[in-house]
Amino acid sequence: MHVPEARIEETGAGPVYVRRARRVVAVVGPDGIAVGPHAVWVANSQDGTVVRIDPVTYTVSGPIFVGAGPAGIAVTSAAVWVANSLDLTVSRLDPATGRVTATVGVGDGPGAIAAASDGVWVVDQFDATLRRIDPRTNQVSLIVSVGSSPQAIAAAGSGV
């Protein structure tokens, strides 16, 4: 089956537009976007939700309420992880059901988040730490002081 090229356009503080052929899907208030198996996930800080966009049909599912100020989002085959900057938590979602399956307390100002083979890593901007969440226990298993105001993170293999 041939699927026409699609692209995602983020317009700063405005909506995200997903364009494919003549279809357009708008998501208002995006702060984080992640692509995973069979879905594009968008964190919406304005209303504390995440939505799922099907990349073939462009159907929007949700909203899923996750916490105050969802910002960063990371996807694995087993979970969607959302850093909630205003309530100092990370939400774990089941990608099949769209339900929150765990809420993990983290440091001050969680924003950027990345998934690696050794865990899920979240940057806490205001206490200048990097925390590893063990996905088997849904608990913080390591805290690393990283310096002043970290704001981004990337994962490759088992490292960040």
N, C-alpha and C. Protein backbone atom coordinates (compact mmCIF):
# COMPACT_ATOMS: atom_id res chain seq x y z
N MET A 1 0.84 -1.17 0.00
CA MET A 1 0.00 0.00 0.00
C MET A 1 0.89 1.24 0.00
N HIS A 2 0.62 2.17 -0.88
CA HIS A 2 1.37 3.41 -0.95
C HIS A 2 0.74 4.44 -0.02
N VAL A 3 1.55 5.02 0.84
CA VAL A 3 1.09 6.07 1.74
C VAL A 3 1.76 7.36 1.32
N PRO A 4 1.00 8.41 1.01
CA PRO A 4 1.61 9.68 0.62
C PRO A 4 2.50 10.23 1.73
N GLU A 5 3.49 11.00 1.33
CA GLU A 5 4.40 11.61 2.31
C GLU A 5 3.63 12.49 3.27
N ALA A 6 4.04 12.43 4.52
CA ALA A 6 3.41 13.26 5.55
C ALA A 6 4.48 14.07 6.25
N ARG A 7 4.10 15.17 6.81
CA ARG A 7 5.05 15.96 7.59
C ARG A 7 4.32 16.59 8.76
N ILE A 8 5.08 16.82 9.81
CA ILE A 8 4.53 17.47 11.00
C ILE A 8 5.15 18.85 11.08
N GLU A 9 4.31 19.85 11.25
CA GLU A 9 4.79 21.22 11.34
C GLU A 9 4.45 21.77 12.72
N GLU A 10 5.47 22.22 13.44
CA GLU A 10 5.23 22.85 14.74
C GLU A 10 5.37 24.35 14.53
N THR A 11 4.43 25.09 15.05
CA THR A 11 4.40 26.53 14.80
C THR A 11 4.69 27.33 16.05
N GLY A 12 5.65 26.88 16.85
CA GLY A 12 5.96 27.60 18.09
C GLY A 12 4.91 27.31 19.14
N ALA A 13 4.30 28.35 19.68
CA ALA A 13 3.31 28.17 20.74
C ALA A 13 1.94 27.80 20.18
N GLY A 14 1.79 27.80 18.86
CA GLY A 14 0.50 27.52 18.25
C GLY A 14 0.28 26.04 18.02
N PRO A 15 -0.70 25.73 17.19
CA PRO A 15 -1.05 24.33 16.95
C PRO A 15 0.03 23.59 16.17
N VAL A 16 -0.02 22.26 16.27
CA VAL A 16 0.78 21.39 15.42
C VAL A 16 -0.13 20.96 14.28
N TYR A 17 0.36 21.01 13.08
CA TYR A 17 -0.41 20.57 11.93
C TYR A 17 0.23 19.34 11.34
N VAL A 18 -0.57 18.31 11.12
CA VAL A 18 -0.10 17.10 10.47
C VAL A 18 -0.74 17.08 9.09
N ARG A 19 0.09 17.09 8.06
CA ARG A 19 -0.44 17.19 6.71
C ARG A 19 -0.14 15.91 5.92
N ARG A 20 -1.14 15.40 5.25
CA ARG A 20 -1.00 14.27 4.35
C ARG A 20 -2.03 14.44 3.25
N ALA A 21 -1.56 14.55 2.07
CA ALA A 21 -2.46 14.78 0.94
C ALA A 21 -3.35 15.98 1.28
N ARG A 22 -4.65 15.79 1.38
CA ARG A 22 -5.55 16.90 1.67
C ARG A 22 -6.09 16.88 3.09
N ARG A 23 -5.51 16.04 3.95
CA ARG A 23 -5.97 15.96 5.33
C ARG A 23 -5.06 16.77 6.23
N VAL A 24 -5.66 17.47 7.19
CA VAL A 24 -4.90 18.24 8.17
C VAL A 24 -5.50 17.97 9.55
N VAL A 25 -4.62 17.67 10.51
CA VAL A 25 -5.03 17.48 11.90
C VAL A 25 -4.34 18.55 12.72
N ALA A 26 -5.07 19.27 13.54
CA ALA A 26 -4.48 20.31 14.39
C ALA A 26 -4.54 19.89 15.84
N VAL A 27 -3.43 20.09 16.55
CA VAL A 27 -3.36 19.83 17.99
C VAL A 27 -2.91 21.13 18.64
N VAL A 28 -3.72 21.68 19.54
CA VAL A 28 -3.44 22.98 20.14
C VAL A 28 -2.58 22.81 21.39
N GLY A 29 -1.56 23.69 21.55
CA GLY A 29 -0.75 23.74 22.76
C GLY A 29 0.32 22.67 22.88
N PRO A 30 0.95 22.25 21.80
CA PRO A 30 1.94 21.18 21.91
C PRO A 30 3.23 21.64 22.58
N ASP A 31 3.76 20.80 23.45
CA ASP A 31 5.07 21.06 24.04
C ASP A 31 6.05 19.96 23.74
N GLY A 32 5.58 18.77 23.44
CA GLY A 32 6.45 17.66 23.12
C GLY A 32 5.81 16.78 22.08
N ILE A 33 6.64 16.28 21.16
CA ILE A 33 6.17 15.37 20.11
C ILE A 33 7.14 14.21 20.04
N ALA A 34 6.62 12.99 19.98
CA ALA A 34 7.47 11.81 19.84
C ALA A 34 6.79 10.83 18.88
N VAL A 35 7.61 10.17 18.10
CA VAL A 35 7.12 9.18 17.15
C VAL A 35 7.48 7.80 17.68
N GLY A 36 6.50 6.92 17.72
CA GLY A 36 6.72 5.56 18.18
C GLY A 36 6.10 4.58 17.21
N PRO A 37 6.13 3.31 17.57
CA PRO A 37 5.52 2.31 16.70
C PRO A 37 4.03 2.60 16.50
N HIS A 38 3.64 2.85 15.29
CA HIS A 38 2.24 3.01 14.90
C HIS A 38 1.55 4.26 15.43
N ALA A 39 2.30 5.25 15.94
CA ALA A 39 1.64 6.44 16.47
C ALA A 39 2.60 7.61 16.61
N VAL A 40 2.03 8.79 16.53
CA VAL A 40 2.70 10.03 16.88
C VAL A 40 2.00 10.52 18.15
N TRP A 41 2.80 10.82 19.18
CA TRP A 41 2.26 11.23 20.47
C TRP A 41 2.59 12.70 20.70
N VAL A 42 1.61 13.48 21.16
CA VAL A 42 1.79 14.92 21.36
C VAL A 42 1.37 15.28 22.78
N ALA A 43 2.28 15.91 23.53
CA ALA A 43 1.99 16.40 24.88
C ALA A 43 1.48 17.83 24.78
N ASN A 44 0.37 18.09 25.44
CA ASN A 44 -0.27 19.40 25.40
C ASN A 44 -0.23 20.05 26.78
N SER A 45 0.66 21.01 26.95
CA SER A 45 0.85 21.62 28.27
C SER A 45 -0.34 22.45 28.73
N GLN A 46 -1.09 23.00 27.80
CA GLN A 46 -2.19 23.88 28.17
C GLN A 46 -3.30 23.17 28.92
N ASP A 47 -3.53 21.90 28.60
CA ASP A 47 -4.63 21.21 29.27
C ASP A 47 -4.21 19.93 30.00
N GLY A 48 -2.90 19.67 30.10
CA GLY A 48 -2.42 18.53 30.86
C GLY A 48 -2.72 17.18 30.23
N THR A 49 -2.69 17.15 28.89
CA THR A 49 -3.07 15.92 28.20
C THR A 49 -2.02 15.48 27.18
N VAL A 50 -2.21 14.26 26.71
CA VAL A 50 -1.46 13.71 25.59
C VAL A 50 -2.49 13.19 24.59
N VAL A 51 -2.22 13.36 23.31
CA VAL A 51 -3.07 12.76 22.29
C VAL A 51 -2.21 11.85 21.42
N ARG A 52 -2.87 10.87 20.82
CA ARG A 52 -2.23 9.92 19.91
C ARG A 52 -2.77 10.18 18.51
N ILE A 53 -1.85 10.30 17.55
CA ILE A 53 -2.25 10.49 16.16
C ILE A 53 -1.83 9.26 15.38
N ASP A 54 -2.78 8.63 14.70
CA ASP A 54 -2.48 7.49 13.84
C ASP A 54 -1.82 8.02 12.58
N PRO A 55 -0.59 7.57 12.25
CA PRO A 55 0.13 8.13 11.10
C PRO A 55 -0.42 7.70 9.74
N VAL A 56 -1.32 6.74 9.72
CA VAL A 56 -1.91 6.30 8.45
C VAL A 56 -3.24 6.99 8.21
N THR A 57 -4.12 6.99 9.22
CA THR A 57 -5.45 7.57 9.05
C THR A 57 -5.55 9.00 9.56
N TYR A 58 -4.56 9.44 10.37
CA TYR A 58 -4.55 10.76 10.99
C TYR A 58 -5.70 10.95 11.97
N THR A 59 -6.18 9.85 12.50
CA THR A 59 -7.19 9.90 13.54
C THR A 59 -6.52 10.29 14.85
N VAL A 60 -7.14 11.23 15.57
CA VAL A 60 -6.62 11.66 16.86
C VAL A 60 -7.40 10.94 17.95
N SER A 61 -6.66 10.26 18.86
CA SER A 61 -7.27 9.58 20.01
C SER A 61 -6.89 10.32 21.27
N GLY A 62 -7.80 10.36 22.20
CA GLY A 62 -7.55 11.05 23.45
C GLY A 62 -8.59 12.13 23.61
N PRO A 63 -8.36 13.05 24.49
CA PRO A 63 -7.12 13.28 25.22
C PRO A 63 -6.96 12.34 26.41
N ILE A 64 -5.71 12.12 26.79
CA ILE A 64 -5.35 11.34 27.96
C ILE A 64 -4.80 12.31 28.99
N PHE A 65 -5.43 12.40 30.14
CA PHE A 65 -4.97 13.32 31.18
C PHE A 65 -3.77 12.70 31.90
N VAL A 66 -2.66 13.45 31.96
CA VAL A 66 -1.41 12.90 32.52
C VAL A 66 -0.89 13.66 33.73
N GLY A 67 -1.09 14.94 33.81
CA GLY A 67 -0.55 15.73 34.91
C GLY A 67 -0.43 17.18 34.49
N ALA A 68 0.03 18.00 35.39
CA ALA A 68 0.13 19.44 35.12
C ALA A 68 1.39 19.76 34.33
N GLY A 69 1.22 20.42 33.21
CA GLY A 69 2.34 20.89 32.41
C GLY A 69 3.14 19.83 31.70
N PRO A 70 2.51 18.88 31.00
CA PRO A 70 3.31 17.90 30.27
C PRO A 70 4.19 18.60 29.24
N ALA A 71 5.45 18.21 29.23
CA ALA A 71 6.43 18.88 28.35
C ALA A 71 7.11 17.86 27.46
N GLY A 72 8.10 17.17 28.00
CA GLY A 72 8.81 16.18 27.21
C GLY A 72 8.05 14.89 27.11
N ILE A 73 8.32 14.16 26.02
CA ILE A 73 7.65 12.88 25.80
C ILE A 73 8.62 11.94 25.10
N ALA A 74 8.63 10.69 25.51
CA ALA A 74 9.49 9.66 24.91
C ALA A 74 8.66 8.39 24.74
N VAL A 75 8.98 7.63 23.70
CA VAL A 75 8.20 6.44 23.38
C VAL A 75 9.11 5.23 23.22
N THR A 76 8.68 4.12 23.80
CA THR A 76 9.30 2.82 23.55
C THR A 76 8.20 1.90 23.02
N SER A 77 8.56 0.67 22.71
CA SER A 77 7.54 -0.26 22.25
C SER A 77 6.57 -0.64 23.37
N ALA A 78 7.00 -0.48 24.63
CA ALA A 78 6.18 -0.89 25.76
C ALA A 78 5.47 0.25 26.48
N ALA A 79 5.91 1.49 26.28
CA ALA A 79 5.34 2.59 27.07
C ALA A 79 5.57 3.93 26.40
N VAL A 80 4.73 4.88 26.79
CA VAL A 80 4.91 6.28 26.45
C VAL A 80 5.20 6.98 27.78
N TRP A 81 6.27 7.77 27.84
CA TRP A 81 6.71 8.43 29.07
C TRP A 81 6.55 9.94 28.89
N VAL A 82 5.90 10.60 29.86
CA VAL A 82 5.62 12.03 29.76
C VAL A 82 6.14 12.74 31.01
N ALA A 83 7.00 13.73 30.81
CA ALA A 83 7.51 14.55 31.92
C ALA A 83 6.52 15.68 32.17
N ASN A 84 5.96 15.72 33.38
CA ASN A 84 4.98 16.74 33.77
C ASN A 84 5.68 17.80 34.61
N SER A 85 5.99 18.93 33.98
CA SER A 85 6.86 19.93 34.59
C SER A 85 6.25 20.63 35.80
N LEU A 86 4.96 20.76 35.87
CA LEU A 86 4.35 21.53 36.96
C LEU A 86 4.00 20.70 38.18
N ASP A 87 3.81 19.40 38.03
CA ASP A 87 3.54 18.60 39.23
C ASP A 87 4.69 17.66 39.58
N LEU A 88 5.85 17.85 38.90
CA LEU A 88 7.11 17.18 39.26
C LEU A 88 7.00 15.66 39.19
N THR A 89 6.35 15.18 38.12
CA THR A 89 6.18 13.75 37.93
C THR A 89 6.49 13.34 36.50
N VAL A 90 6.61 12.03 36.31
CA VAL A 90 6.65 11.43 34.99
C VAL A 90 5.50 10.43 34.94
N SER A 91 4.68 10.52 33.90
CA SER A 91 3.57 9.58 33.72
C SER A 91 3.99 8.50 32.72
N ARG A 92 3.62 7.27 33.03
CA ARG A 92 3.84 6.15 32.11
C ARG A 92 2.48 5.75 31.54
N LEU A 93 2.40 5.72 30.21
CA LEU A 93 1.17 5.34 29.54
C LEU A 93 1.35 4.00 28.84
N ASP A 94 0.29 3.22 28.79
CA ASP A 94 0.26 2.01 27.99
C ASP A 94 -0.12 2.44 26.58
N PRO A 95 0.75 2.23 25.58
CA PRO A 95 0.43 2.72 24.24
C PRO A 95 -0.77 2.00 23.60
N ALA A 96 -1.07 0.79 24.04
CA ALA A 96 -2.19 0.05 23.48
C ALA A 96 -3.53 0.55 24.00
N THR A 97 -3.60 0.88 25.30
CA THR A 97 -4.87 1.30 25.90
C THR A 97 -4.99 2.80 26.07
N GLY A 98 -3.86 3.50 26.08
CA GLY A 98 -3.88 4.94 26.31
C GLY A 98 -4.12 5.31 27.76
N ARG A 99 -3.95 4.36 28.67
CA ARG A 99 -4.17 4.64 30.09
C ARG A 99 -2.86 4.91 30.81
N VAL A 100 -2.92 5.77 31.83
CA VAL A 100 -1.77 6.00 32.70
C VAL A 100 -1.63 4.77 33.59
N THR A 101 -0.45 4.13 33.55
CA THR A 101 -0.23 2.92 34.35
C THR A 101 0.66 3.18 35.56
N ALA A 102 1.37 4.30 35.56
CA ALA A 102 2.22 4.64 36.71
C ALA A 102 2.50 6.14 36.69
N THR A 103 2.72 6.68 37.89
CA THR A 103 3.16 8.07 38.04
C THR A 103 4.37 8.04 38.96
N VAL A 104 5.49 8.60 38.47
CA VAL A 104 6.76 8.55 39.20
C VAL A 104 7.12 9.97 39.63
N GLY A 105 7.35 10.16 40.91
CA GLY A 105 7.81 11.45 41.41
C GLY A 105 9.27 11.66 41.04
N VAL A 106 9.59 12.83 40.52
CA VAL A 106 10.97 13.16 40.13
C VAL A 106 11.35 14.50 40.76
N GLY A 107 12.40 15.13 40.27
CA GLY A 107 12.90 16.37 40.84
C GLY A 107 12.14 17.60 40.39
N ASP A 108 12.75 18.74 40.58
CA ASP A 108 12.14 20.04 40.33
C ASP A 108 12.34 20.48 38.88
N GLY A 109 11.26 20.57 38.14
CA GLY A 109 11.32 21.06 36.77
C GLY A 109 11.58 20.01 35.72
N PRO A 110 10.93 18.83 35.78
CA PRO A 110 11.17 17.83 34.73
C PRO A 110 10.67 18.35 33.38
N GLY A 111 11.48 18.14 32.37
CA GLY A 111 11.09 18.61 31.04
C GLY A 111 11.52 17.65 29.97
N ALA A 112 12.80 17.64 29.67
CA ALA A 112 13.30 16.75 28.63
C ALA A 112 13.34 15.32 29.16
N ILE A 113 13.02 14.37 28.28
CA ILE A 113 12.98 12.96 28.66
C ILE A 113 13.41 12.12 27.47
N ALA A 114 14.11 11.02 27.75
CA ALA A 114 14.57 10.12 26.69
C ALA A 114 14.55 8.70 27.20
N ALA A 115 14.28 7.77 26.31
CA ALA A 115 14.27 6.35 26.67
C ALA A 115 15.48 5.67 26.05
N ALA A 116 16.21 4.92 26.89
CA ALA A 116 17.37 4.15 26.44
C ALA A 116 17.18 2.71 26.89
N SER A 117 18.06 1.83 26.48
CA SER A 117 17.89 0.42 26.85
C SER A 117 18.08 0.18 28.34
N ASP A 118 18.75 1.08 29.05
CA ASP A 118 18.97 0.90 30.48
C ASP A 118 17.98 1.67 31.36
N GLY A 119 17.02 2.34 30.76
CA GLY A 119 16.02 3.06 31.54
C GLY A 119 15.51 4.29 30.83
N VAL A 120 14.65 5.00 31.53
CA VAL A 120 14.10 6.26 31.03
C VAL A 120 14.78 7.37 31.81
N TRP A 121 15.29 8.35 31.10
CA TRP A 121 16.07 9.43 31.70
C TRP A 121 15.30 10.73 31.60
N VAL A 122 15.22 11.47 32.71
CA VAL A 122 14.51 12.75 32.73
C VAL A 122 15.43 13.82 33.30
N VAL A 123 15.42 14.97 32.67
CA VAL A 123 16.20 16.12 33.12
C VAL A 123 15.32 16.98 34.01
N ASP A 124 15.83 17.29 35.21
CA ASP A 124 15.14 18.19 36.13
C ASP A 124 15.87 19.52 36.12
N GLN A 125 15.28 20.48 35.44
CA GLN A 125 15.94 21.75 35.17
C GLN A 125 16.29 22.54 36.42
N PHE A 126 15.39 22.63 37.39
CA PHE A 126 15.61 23.56 38.50
C PHE A 126 16.46 23.00 39.63
N ASP A 127 16.58 21.67 39.73
CA ASP A 127 17.53 21.13 40.71
C ASP A 127 18.77 20.56 40.04
N ALA A 128 18.91 20.80 38.73
CA ALA A 128 20.11 20.48 37.96
C ALA A 128 20.51 19.01 38.08
N THR A 129 19.53 18.13 37.89
CA THR A 129 19.81 16.70 37.96
C THR A 129 19.30 15.96 36.74
N LEU A 130 19.83 14.77 36.59
CA LEU A 130 19.40 13.80 35.60
C LEU A 130 18.99 12.57 36.39
N ARG A 131 17.79 12.06 36.15
CA ARG A 131 17.30 10.90 36.90
C ARG A 131 16.99 9.76 35.94
N ARG A 132 17.38 8.57 36.37
CA ARG A 132 17.04 7.36 35.60
C ARG A 132 15.87 6.67 36.30
N ILE A 133 14.85 6.37 35.51
CA ILE A 133 13.71 5.62 35.99
C ILE A 133 13.84 4.20 35.48
N ASP A 134 13.74 3.23 36.38
CA ASP A 134 13.78 1.82 36.00
C ASP A 134 12.37 1.43 35.54
N PRO A 135 12.20 1.07 34.26
CA PRO A 135 10.86 0.77 33.77
C PRO A 135 10.27 -0.53 34.34
N ARG A 136 11.11 -1.37 34.95
CA ARG A 136 10.58 -2.60 35.57
C ARG A 136 9.89 -2.29 36.90
N THR A 137 10.39 -1.26 37.61
CA THR A 137 9.83 -0.94 38.93
C THR A 137 9.07 0.38 38.96
N ASN A 138 9.23 1.19 37.91
CA ASN A 138 8.64 2.55 37.86
C ASN A 138 9.11 3.39 39.03
N GLN A 139 10.39 3.25 39.37
CA GLN A 139 11.01 4.02 40.45
C GLN A 139 12.29 4.68 39.95
N VAL A 140 12.64 5.81 40.55
CA VAL A 140 13.92 6.45 40.24
C VAL A 140 15.02 5.57 40.81
N SER A 141 15.97 5.17 39.96
CA SER A 141 17.03 4.27 40.40
C SER A 141 18.40 4.93 40.44
N LEU A 142 18.52 6.16 39.92
CA LEU A 142 19.80 6.87 39.92
C LEU A 142 19.53 8.35 39.79
N ILE A 143 20.27 9.17 40.54
CA ILE A 143 20.21 10.63 40.42
C ILE A 143 21.63 11.13 40.20
N VAL A 144 21.82 11.92 39.14
CA VAL A 144 23.13 12.45 38.79
C VAL A 144 23.05 13.97 38.75
N SER A 145 23.93 14.64 39.48
CA SER A 145 24.01 16.09 39.42
C SER A 145 24.75 16.46 38.13
N VAL A 146 24.15 17.34 37.32
CA VAL A 146 24.73 17.64 36.01
C VAL A 146 25.11 19.10 35.82
N GLY A 147 24.89 19.96 36.77
CA GLY A 147 25.24 21.36 36.60
C GLY A 147 24.01 22.22 36.41
N SER A 148 24.25 23.44 36.04
CA SER A 148 23.22 24.46 36.01
C SER A 148 22.20 24.27 34.88
N SER A 149 20.94 24.15 35.24
CA SER A 149 19.79 24.26 34.37
C SER A 149 19.82 23.40 33.10
N PRO A 150 19.94 22.07 33.21
CA PRO A 150 19.91 21.24 32.01
C PRO A 150 18.54 21.30 31.35
N GLN A 151 18.52 21.32 30.00
CA GLN A 151 17.25 21.48 29.30
C GLN A 151 17.01 20.49 28.20
N ALA A 152 17.97 19.63 27.89
CA ALA A 152 17.78 18.68 26.79
C ALA A 152 18.50 17.39 27.10
N ILE A 153 18.08 16.31 26.42
CA ILE A 153 18.72 15.02 26.58
C ILE A 153 18.47 14.20 25.32
N ALA A 154 19.42 13.34 25.00
CA ALA A 154 19.26 12.42 23.87
C ALA A 154 19.78 11.06 24.30
N ALA A 155 19.18 10.01 23.78
CA ALA A 155 19.60 8.65 24.10
C ALA A 155 20.03 7.94 22.84
N ALA A 156 21.05 7.10 22.98
CA ALA A 156 21.50 6.26 21.88
C ALA A 156 21.94 4.94 22.48
N GLY A 157 21.25 3.87 22.12
CA GLY A 157 21.59 2.57 22.70
C GLY A 157 21.34 2.58 24.19
N SER A 158 22.40 2.29 24.96
CA SER A 158 22.25 2.25 26.41
C SER A 158 22.81 3.50 27.08
N GLY A 159 23.12 4.52 26.32
CA GLY A 159 23.69 5.72 26.91
C GLY A 159 22.87 6.95 26.65
N VAL A 160 23.12 7.96 27.50
CA VAL A 160 22.48 9.26 27.31
C VAL A 160 23.54 10.33 27.19
